Amino acid sequence: MAKKELVNVEKDAQIVKAKETVQDVLIEDLSTQEAVDNFVRGLIPESFAKDYKKLKKLQDELSKTEASIKEKLIEMFEAHPEMNCQTVTMDGLSFTYTKSYVKNTVDSKKLQEEYPDIYKKMIKTSNVKSSIKTSVKF
């Protein structure tokens, strides 16, 4: 092998070794929960957690208020079945009342237990995207 070829082979070997070292460091770096937490902190702006908590708390309060309003509207609609409308609108916000009804569904667990062949023929498979679940403690 010529001297020039040897130098190229050595450089290639160093590059491969360097890549493996970087990969090993990354893998080793993210092998503990603390390392993962520190890595993620570098991806997310510092103010995000504080802002998220504030907005989540407001969202929770809004959901409680909305549930209370919906409950009162249902009581109103059910107390006055003679009303011709099913929608209440206020400042561009609409609430539409839907009467209760009976809904028929298939008990897939029971179907699978009692008729496994039919269950296998009727099963539908879907791909689900990756997601991130968030939770907040106040």
C-alpha atoms as a PDB file:
ATOM      1  CA  MET A   1       0.000   0.000   0.000  1.00  0.00           C
ATOM      2  CA  ALA A   2       1.331   3.431  -0.874  1.00  0.00           C
ATOM      3  CA  LYS A   3       2.040   5.960   1.870  1.00  0.00           C
ATOM      4  CA  LYS A   4      -0.758   8.261   0.625  1.00  0.00           C
ATOM      5  CA  GLU A   5      -3.293   5.412   0.783  1.00  0.00           C
ATOM      6  CA  LEU A   6      -2.187   4.562   4.324  1.00  0.00           C
ATOM      7  CA  VAL A   7      -2.733   8.157   5.438  1.00  0.00           C
ATOM      8  CA  ASN A   8      -6.261   8.131   3.924  1.00  0.00           C
ATOM      9  CA  VAL A   9      -7.081   4.824   5.617  1.00  0.00           C
ATOM     10  CA  GLU A  10      -5.853   6.183   8.963  1.00  0.00           C
ATOM     11  CA  LYS A  11      -7.935   9.360   8.519  1.00  0.00           C
ATOM     12  CA  ASP A  12     -11.005   7.295   7.619  1.00  0.00           C
ATOM     13  CA  ALA A  13     -10.448   5.106  10.674  1.00  0.00           C
ATOM     14  CA  GLN A  14     -10.146   8.194  12.886  1.00  0.00           C
ATOM     15  CA  ILE A  15     -13.362   9.637  11.449  1.00  0.00           C
ATOM     16  CA  VAL A  16     -15.228   6.351  12.014  1.00  0.00           C
ATOM     17  CA  LYS A  17     -13.791   6.121  15.524  1.00  0.00           C
ATOM     18  CA  ALA A  18     -14.773   9.744  16.213  1.00  0.00           C
ATOM     19  CA  LYS A  19     -18.335   9.098  15.002  1.00  0.00           C
ATOM     20  CA  GLU A  20     -18.600   5.995  17.188  1.00  0.00           C
ATOM     21  CA  THR A  21     -17.258   7.962  20.153  1.00  0.00           C
ATOM     22  CA  VAL A  22     -19.815  10.748  19.652  1.00  0.00           C
ATOM     23  CA  GLN A  23     -22.590   8.185  19.332  1.00  0.00           C
ATOM     24  CA  ASP A  24     -21.377   6.343  22.449  1.00  0.00           C
ATOM     25  CA  VAL A  25     -21.240   9.616  24.375  1.00  0.00           C
ATOM     26  CA  LEU A  26     -24.772  10.508  23.287  1.00  0.00           C
ATOM     27  CA  ILE A  27     -26.076   7.070  24.186  1.00  0.00           C
ATOM     28  CA  GLU A  28     -24.230   7.136  27.483  1.00  0.00           C
ATOM     29  CA  ASP A  29     -25.290  10.735  28.049  1.00  0.00           C
ATOM     30  CA  LEU A  30     -28.978   9.870  27.709  1.00  0.00           C
ATOM     31  CA  SER A  31     -28.806   6.661  29.695  1.00  0.00           C
ATOM     32  CA  THR A  32     -29.941   8.277  32.963  1.00  0.00           C
ATOM     33  CA  GLN A  33     -33.134  10.168  33.734  1.00  0.00           C
ATOM     34  CA  GLU A  34     -31.109  13.165  34.910  1.00  0.00           C
ATOM     35  CA  ALA A  35     -29.230  13.262  31.600  1.00  0.00           C
ATOM     36  CA  VAL A  36     -32.493  13.092  29.636  1.00  0.00           C
ATOM     37  CA  ASP A  37     -34.009  15.854  31.805  1.00  0.00           C
ATOM     38  CA  ASN A  38     -30.965  18.074  31.228  1.00  0.00           C
ATOM     39  CA  PHE A  39     -31.039  17.376  27.480  1.00  0.00           C
ATOM     40  CA  VAL A  40     -34.759  18.274  27.267  1.00  0.00           C
ATOM     41  CA  ARG A  41     -34.192  21.468  29.302  1.00  0.00           C
ATOM     42  CA  GLY A  42     -31.889  22.551  26.491  1.00  0.00           C
ATOM     43  CA  LEU A  43     -34.731  22.131  23.970  1.00  0.00           C
ATOM     44  CA  ILE A  44     -37.443  23.998  25.876  1.00  0.00           C
ATOM     45  CA  PRO A  45     -37.351  27.735  26.704  1.00  0.00           C
ATOM     46  CA  GLU A  46     -37.002  28.435  30.450  1.00  0.00           C
ATOM     47  CA  SER A  47     -40.268  30.374  30.618  1.00  0.00           C
ATOM     48  CA  PHE A  48     -42.275  27.532  29.034  1.00  0.00           C
ATOM     49  CA  ALA A  49     -42.938  25.554  32.237  1.00  0.00           C
ATOM     50  CA  LYS A  50     -44.056  28.627  34.176  1.00  0.00           C
ATOM     51  CA  ASP A  51     -46.256  29.881  31.311  1.00  0.00           C
ATOM     52  CA  TYR A  52     -47.668  26.399  30.744  1.00  0.00           C
ATOM     53  CA  LYS A  53     -48.643  26.039  34.414  1.00  0.00           C
ATOM     54  CA  LYS A  54     -50.442  29.400  34.374  1.00  0.00           C
ATOM     55  CA  LEU A  55     -52.320  28.576  31.178  1.00  0.00           C
ATOM     56  CA  LYS A  56     -53.153  25.053  32.362  1.00  0.00           C
ATOM     57  CA  LYS A  57     -54.584  26.440  35.602  1.00  0.00           C
ATOM     58  CA  LEU A  58     -56.702  28.950  33.629  1.00  0.00           C
ATOM     59  CA  GLN A  59     -57.795  26.165  31.292  1.00  0.00           C
ATOM     60  CA  ASP A  60     -58.876  24.025  34.266  1.00  0.00           C
ATOM     61  CA  GLU A  61     -60.850  26.939  35.754  1.00  0.00           C
ATOM     62  CA  LEU A  62     -62.447  27.610  32.363  1.00  0.00           C
ATOM     63  CA  SER A  63     -63.413  23.936  32.002  1.00  0.00           C
ATOM     64  CA  LYS A  64     -65.082  23.949  35.427  1.00  0.00           C
ATOM     65  CA  THR A  65     -67.020  27.128  34.596  1.00  0.00           C
ATOM     66  CA  GLU A  66     -68.018  25.736  31.199  1.00  0.00           C
ATOM     67  CA  ALA A  67     -69.264  22.479  32.793  1.00  0.00           C
ATOM     68  CA  SER A  68     -71.371  24.464  35.254  1.00  0.00           C
ATOM     69  CA  ILE A  69     -72.891  26.595  32.466  1.00  0.00           C
ATOM     70  CA  LYS A  70     -73.640  23.513  30.346  1.00  0.00           C
ATOM     71  CA  GLU A  71     -75.331  21.832  33.311  1.00  0.00           C
ATOM     72  CA  LYS A  72     -77.566  24.886  33.859  1.00  0.00           C
ATOM     73  CA  LEU A  73     -78.419  25.077  30.149  1.00  0.00           C
ATOM     74  CA  ILE A  74     -79.400  21.389  30.067  1.00  0.00           C
ATOM     75  CA  GLU A  75     -81.651  21.963  33.084  1.00  0.00           C
ATOM     76  CA  MET A  76     -83.237  24.948  31.310  1.00  0.00           C
ATOM     77  CA  PHE A  77     -83.849  23.093  28.026  1.00  0.00           C
ATOM     78  CA  GLU A  78     -85.256  20.043  29.813  1.00  0.00           C
ATOM     79  CA  ALA A  79     -87.508  22.178  32.037  1.00  0.00           C
ATOM     80  CA  HIS A  80     -88.966  23.916  28.947  1.00  0.00           C
ATOM     81  CA  PRO A  81     -89.494  21.324  26.189  1.00  0.00           C
ATOM     82  CA  GLU A  82     -91.862  23.738  24.445  1.00  0.00           C
ATOM     83  CA  MET A  83     -88.919  25.908  23.301  1.00  0.00           C
ATOM     84  CA  ASN A  84     -88.459  25.884  19.522  1.00  0.00           C
ATOM     85  CA  CYS A  85     -84.712  26.480  19.534  1.00  0.00           C
ATOM     86  CA  GLN A  86     -81.839  24.239  20.579  1.00  0.00           C
ATOM     87  CA  THR A  87     -79.069  26.840  20.346  1.00  0.00           C
ATOM     88  CA  VAL A  88     -78.191  29.717  22.647  1.00  0.00           C
ATOM     89  CA  THR A  89     -75.764  32.327  21.294  1.00  0.00           C
ATOM     90  CA  MET A  90     -74.042  35.076  23.249  1.00  0.00           C
ATOM     91  CA  ASP A  91     -71.260  37.331  21.958  1.00  0.00           C
ATOM     92  CA  GLY A  92     -70.446  34.872  19.176  1.00  0.00           C
ATOM     93  CA  LEU A  93     -70.370  31.881  21.534  1.00  0.00           C
ATOM     94  CA  SER A  94     -72.976  29.187  20.829  1.00  0.00           C
ATOM     95  CA  PHE A  95     -74.274  26.346  22.969  1.00  0.00           C
ATOM     96  CA  THR A  96     -76.376  23.757  21.148  1.00  0.00           C
ATOM     97  CA  TYR A  97     -78.608  21.396  23.098  1.00  0.00           C
ATOM     98  CA  THR A  98     -78.933  17.777  22.006  1.00  0.00           C
ATOM     99  CA  LYS A  99     -81.594  15.622  23.650  1.00  0.00           C
ATOM    100  CA  SER A 100     -80.459  12.428  25.294  1.00  0.00           C
ATOM    101  CA  TYR A 101     -80.823   9.291  23.193  1.00  0.00           C
ATOM    102  CA  VAL A 102     -80.017   5.604  23.235  1.00  0.00           C
ATOM    103  CA  LYS A 103     -76.834   4.653  21.405  1.00  0.00           C
ATOM    104  CA  ASN A 104     -76.018   1.111  20.328  1.00  0.00           C
ATOM    105  CA  THR A 105     -72.384   0.016  20.292  1.00  0.00           C
ATOM    106  CA  VAL A 106     -70.592  -3.301  20.010  1.00  0.00           C
ATOM    107  CA  ASP A 107     -69.015  -4.692  23.164  1.00  0.00           C
ATOM    108  CA  SER A 108     -65.707  -5.626  21.557  1.00  0.00           C
ATOM    109  CA  LYS A 109     -64.355  -7.351  24.653  1.00  0.00           C
ATOM    110  CA  LYS A 110     -67.385  -9.626  24.888  1.00  0.00           C
ATOM    111  CA  LEU A 111     -67.349 -10.242  21.130  1.00  0.00           C
ATOM    112  CA  GLN A 112     -63.692 -11.244  21.295  1.00  0.00           C
ATOM    113  CA  GLU A 113     -64.356 -13.625  24.201  1.00  0.00           C
ATOM    114  CA  GLU A 114     -67.491 -15.273  22.803  1.00  0.00           C
ATOM    115  CA  TYR A 115     -66.843 -15.135  19.038  1.00  0.00           C
ATOM    116  CA  PRO A 116     -63.080 -14.833  18.476  1.00  0.00           C
ATOM    117  CA  ASP A 117     -63.283 -15.830  14.776  1.00  0.00           C
ATOM    118  CA  ILE A 118     -65.835 -13.126  13.963  1.00  0.00           C
ATOM    119  CA  TYR A 119     -63.856 -10.607  16.035  1.00  0.00           C
ATOM    120  CA  LYS A 120     -60.694 -11.397  14.029  1.00  0.00           C
ATOM    121  CA  LYS A 121     -62.593 -10.926  10.739  1.00  0.00           C
ATOM    122  CA  MET A 122     -64.063  -7.573  11.816  1.00  0.00           C
ATOM    123  CA  ILE A 123     -61.079  -6.030  13.574  1.00  0.00           C
ATOM    124  CA  LYS A 124     -59.739  -2.783  12.112  1.00  0.00           C
ATOM    125  CA  THR A 125     -56.096  -1.809  12.588  1.00  0.00           C
ATOM    126  CA  SER A 126     -54.969   1.827  12.679  1.00  0.00           C
ATOM    127  CA  ASN A 127     -51.575   3.475  12.974  1.00  0.00           C
ATOM    128  CA  VAL A 128     -51.269   5.868  15.912  1.00  0.00           C
ATOM    129  CA  LYS A 129     -48.798   8.768  15.792  1.00  0.00           C
ATOM    130  CA  SER A 130     -46.208   9.302  18.493  1.00  0.00           C
ATOM    131  CA  SER A 131     -47.315  11.795  21.119  1.00  0.00           C
ATOM    132  CA  ILE A 132     -46.202  13.584  24.260  1.00  0.00           C
ATOM    133  CA  LYS A 133     -48.377  13.483  27.365  1.00  0.00           C
ATOM    134  CA  THR A 134     -48.174  16.428  29.739  1.00  0.00           C
ATOM    135  CA  SER A 135     -49.308  16.757  33.313  1.00  0.00           C
ATOM    136  CA  VAL A 136     -49.100  19.596  35.800  1.00  0.00           C
ATOM    137  CA  LYS A 137     -49.089  19.704  39.574  1.00  0.00           C
ATOM    138  CA  PHE A 138     -50.354  22.907  41.168  1.00  0.00           C
END
